[in-house]
N, C-alpha and C. Protein backbone atom coordinates (compact mmCIF):
# COMPACT_ATOMS: atom_id res chain seq x y z
N THR A 1 138.26 98.77 122.64
CA THR A 1 138.86 100.02 123.05
C THR A 1 138.59 100.23 124.55
N PRO A 2 139.55 100.69 125.25
CA PRO A 2 139.36 100.91 126.69
C PRO A 2 138.40 102.07 126.95
N GLY A 3 137.55 101.91 127.94
CA GLY A 3 136.64 102.96 128.34
C GLY A 3 135.34 103.01 127.53
N TYR A 4 135.20 102.12 126.54
CA TYR A 4 133.98 102.13 125.72
C TYR A 4 132.89 101.32 126.42
N GLN A 5 131.72 101.90 126.52
CA GLN A 5 130.57 101.20 127.11
C GLN A 5 129.39 101.31 126.14
N THR A 6 128.68 100.21 125.98
CA THR A 6 127.50 100.25 125.14
C THR A 6 126.34 100.80 125.96
N ALA A 7 125.43 101.46 125.30
CA ALA A 7 124.28 102.03 125.99
C ALA A 7 123.05 101.90 125.09
N PHE A 8 121.90 101.88 125.71
CA PHE A 8 120.64 101.81 124.98
C PHE A 8 119.87 103.09 125.22
N SER A 9 119.44 103.68 124.14
CA SER A 9 118.63 104.89 124.23
C SER A 9 117.47 104.76 123.26
N GLN A 10 116.26 104.59 123.80
CA GLN A 10 115.10 104.42 122.93
C GLN A 10 114.70 105.77 122.35
N LEU A 11 114.44 105.78 121.06
CA LEU A 11 114.01 106.99 120.40
C LEU A 11 112.58 107.31 120.81
N ALA A 12 112.27 108.57 120.87
CA ALA A 12 110.96 108.99 121.36
C ALA A 12 109.80 108.46 120.53
N PHE A 13 109.90 108.46 119.20
CA PHE A 13 108.78 108.06 118.36
C PHE A 13 109.06 106.80 117.54
N ALA A 14 110.15 106.13 117.78
CA ALA A 14 110.52 104.99 116.94
C ALA A 14 109.62 103.78 117.14
N GLY A 15 109.18 103.53 118.34
CA GLY A 15 108.43 102.31 118.60
C GLY A 15 106.93 102.47 118.57
N LYS A 16 106.43 103.67 118.38
CA LYS A 16 104.99 103.89 118.45
C LYS A 16 104.35 103.65 117.10
N LYS A 17 103.18 103.03 117.13
CA LYS A 17 102.42 102.85 115.90
C LYS A 17 101.63 104.11 115.63
N GLU A 18 101.49 104.42 114.35
CA GLU A 18 100.67 105.57 113.99
C GLU A 18 99.21 105.19 114.14
N HIS A 19 98.44 106.11 114.66
CA HIS A 19 97.00 105.88 114.81
C HIS A 19 96.33 106.19 113.48
N ASP A 20 95.59 105.23 112.96
CA ASP A 20 94.86 105.42 111.71
C ASP A 20 93.39 105.60 112.06
N PRO A 21 92.84 106.82 111.95
CA PRO A 21 91.46 107.06 112.36
C PRO A 21 90.44 106.33 111.49
N VAL A 22 90.79 106.01 110.26
CA VAL A 22 89.87 105.31 109.37
C VAL A 22 90.05 103.80 109.54
N GLY A 23 91.28 103.37 109.66
CA GLY A 23 91.66 102.01 109.93
C GLY A 23 90.78 100.91 109.42
N GLN A 24 90.01 100.31 110.31
CA GLN A 24 89.23 99.14 109.98
C GLN A 24 87.89 99.47 109.34
N MET A 25 87.49 100.73 109.35
CA MET A 25 86.21 101.11 108.76
C MET A 25 86.24 101.04 107.23
N VAL A 26 87.39 101.28 106.64
CA VAL A 26 87.52 101.30 105.18
C VAL A 26 88.55 100.25 104.77
N ASN A 27 88.08 99.23 104.08
CA ASN A 27 89.01 98.18 103.64
C ASN A 27 89.86 98.63 102.47
N ASN A 28 89.23 99.24 101.48
CA ASN A 28 89.95 99.68 100.29
C ASN A 28 89.62 101.16 100.06
N PRO A 29 90.55 102.06 100.33
CA PRO A 29 90.27 103.49 100.20
C PRO A 29 89.89 103.91 98.78
N LYS A 30 90.42 103.25 97.76
CA LYS A 30 90.11 103.61 96.38
C LYS A 30 88.65 103.31 96.07
N ILE A 31 88.18 102.14 96.49
CA ILE A 31 86.79 101.76 96.28
C ILE A 31 85.87 102.67 97.10
N HIS A 32 86.29 102.98 98.29
CA HIS A 32 85.50 103.87 99.15
C HIS A 32 85.36 105.26 98.52
N LEU A 33 86.43 105.77 97.95
CA LEU A 33 86.39 107.06 97.26
C LEU A 33 85.41 107.00 96.10
N ALA A 34 85.49 105.96 95.29
CA ALA A 34 84.61 105.84 94.13
C ALA A 34 83.15 105.74 94.57
N GLN A 35 82.88 104.95 95.59
CA GLN A 35 81.51 104.81 96.07
C GLN A 35 80.98 106.12 96.67
N SER A 36 81.83 106.84 97.37
CA SER A 36 81.42 108.11 97.96
C SER A 36 81.15 109.15 96.88
N LEU A 37 81.98 109.19 95.84
CA LEU A 37 81.73 110.10 94.73
C LEU A 37 80.44 109.74 94.00
N HIS A 38 80.16 108.44 93.89
CA HIS A 38 78.92 108.00 93.26
C HIS A 38 77.70 108.48 94.07
N LYS A 39 77.76 108.34 95.39
CA LYS A 39 76.67 108.80 96.25
C LYS A 39 76.47 110.31 96.09
N LEU A 40 77.57 111.04 96.06
CA LEU A 40 77.49 112.49 95.89
C LEU A 40 76.90 112.85 94.53
N SER A 41 77.30 112.11 93.50
CA SER A 41 76.79 112.42 92.17
C SER A 41 75.32 112.06 92.02
N THR A 42 74.82 111.08 92.77
CA THR A 42 73.39 110.80 92.71
C THR A 42 72.60 111.86 93.44
N ALA A 43 73.20 112.48 94.44
CA ALA A 43 72.52 113.56 95.16
C ALA A 43 72.53 114.86 94.35
N CYS A 44 73.56 115.07 93.56
CA CYS A 44 73.69 116.28 92.74
C CYS A 44 74.04 115.88 91.31
N PRO A 45 73.07 115.35 90.55
CA PRO A 45 73.38 114.87 89.19
C PRO A 45 73.95 115.96 88.29
N GLY A 46 75.00 115.59 87.56
CA GLY A 46 75.61 116.50 86.60
C GLY A 46 76.70 117.39 87.16
N ARG A 47 76.71 117.63 88.44
CA ARG A 47 77.69 118.56 89.00
C ARG A 47 79.04 117.91 89.27
N VAL A 48 79.03 116.69 89.81
CA VAL A 48 80.29 116.05 90.20
C VAL A 48 81.17 115.74 88.99
N PRO A 49 80.65 115.14 87.91
CA PRO A 49 81.53 114.87 86.77
C PRO A 49 82.15 116.13 86.18
N SER A 50 81.40 117.23 86.13
CA SER A 50 81.97 118.46 85.59
C SER A 50 83.04 119.03 86.52
N MET A 51 82.82 118.95 87.82
CA MET A 51 83.84 119.43 88.77
C MET A 51 85.10 118.59 88.69
N VAL A 52 84.93 117.28 88.60
CA VAL A 52 86.08 116.37 88.55
C VAL A 52 86.87 116.60 87.27
N SER A 53 86.18 116.71 86.14
CA SER A 53 86.89 116.85 84.86
C SER A 53 87.62 118.18 84.74
N THR A 54 87.11 119.23 85.39
CA THR A 54 87.79 120.52 85.31
C THR A 54 88.86 120.69 86.38
N SER A 55 88.76 119.93 87.48
CA SER A 55 89.69 120.12 88.60
C SER A 55 90.91 119.21 88.55
N LEU A 56 90.78 118.04 87.94
CA LEU A 56 91.88 117.07 87.95
C LEU A 56 92.67 117.11 86.65
N ASN A 57 93.97 116.83 86.77
CA ASN A 57 94.76 116.71 85.55
C ASN A 57 94.48 115.35 84.90
N ALA A 58 94.97 115.14 83.72
CA ALA A 58 94.65 113.95 82.93
C ALA A 58 95.07 112.66 83.63
N GLU A 59 96.23 112.68 84.26
CA GLU A 59 96.72 111.46 84.92
C GLU A 59 95.85 111.11 86.12
N ALA A 60 95.49 112.09 86.93
CA ALA A 60 94.63 111.84 88.09
C ALA A 60 93.25 111.39 87.65
N LEU A 61 92.76 111.95 86.56
CA LEU A 61 91.45 111.56 86.03
C LEU A 61 91.47 110.11 85.56
N GLN A 62 92.58 109.67 85.00
CA GLN A 62 92.72 108.27 84.59
C GLN A 62 92.66 107.34 85.78
N TYR A 63 93.36 107.71 86.85
CA TYR A 63 93.33 106.90 88.07
C TYR A 63 91.92 106.83 88.63
N LEU A 64 91.24 107.96 88.66
CA LEU A 64 89.88 107.99 89.19
C LEU A 64 88.94 107.11 88.35
N GLN A 65 89.10 107.13 87.04
CA GLN A 65 88.29 106.27 86.18
C GLN A 65 88.54 104.80 86.51
N GLY A 66 89.78 104.46 86.81
CA GLY A 66 90.11 103.09 87.21
C GLY A 66 89.43 102.71 88.52
N TYR A 67 89.41 103.65 89.46
CA TYR A 67 88.75 103.39 90.75
C TYR A 67 87.25 103.19 90.55
N LEU A 68 86.66 104.01 89.68
CA LEU A 68 85.22 103.90 89.43
C LEU A 68 84.90 102.56 88.76
N GLN A 69 85.75 102.13 87.85
CA GLN A 69 85.54 100.83 87.19
C GLN A 69 85.69 99.69 88.18
N ALA A 70 86.68 99.79 89.06
CA ALA A 70 86.90 98.73 90.05
C ALA A 70 85.72 98.63 91.03
N ALA A 71 85.09 99.75 91.30
CA ALA A 71 83.94 99.77 92.21
C ALA A 71 82.63 99.49 91.48
N SER A 72 82.68 99.40 90.16
CA SER A 72 81.50 99.19 89.32
C SER A 72 80.44 100.28 89.51
N VAL A 73 80.89 101.53 89.53
CA VAL A 73 79.98 102.66 89.66
C VAL A 73 80.32 103.70 88.59
N THR A 74 79.37 104.58 88.32
CA THR A 74 79.60 105.69 87.40
C THR A 74 79.12 106.97 88.06
N LEU A 75 79.64 108.07 87.61
CA LEU A 75 79.21 109.38 88.11
C LEU A 75 78.08 109.87 87.24
N LEU A 76 77.04 110.36 87.87
CA LEU A 76 75.87 110.84 87.14
C LEU A 76 75.93 112.32 86.92
């Protein structure tokens, strides 16, 4: 078509990588969550399992149990 010119316009956020503040510190976030909950439950025995069981729905609780099994830890 006459008068048509191609042009390049870079989008403002298209080429930028998102900064991940946790990035390389945590290899597997699911295992890290399970280990952190285990540490918390050893500091406050009996409180964490009751809070988790009353706060999470059944599906989320199932996922959390899987994370705890994968990390080989239990909540006290």
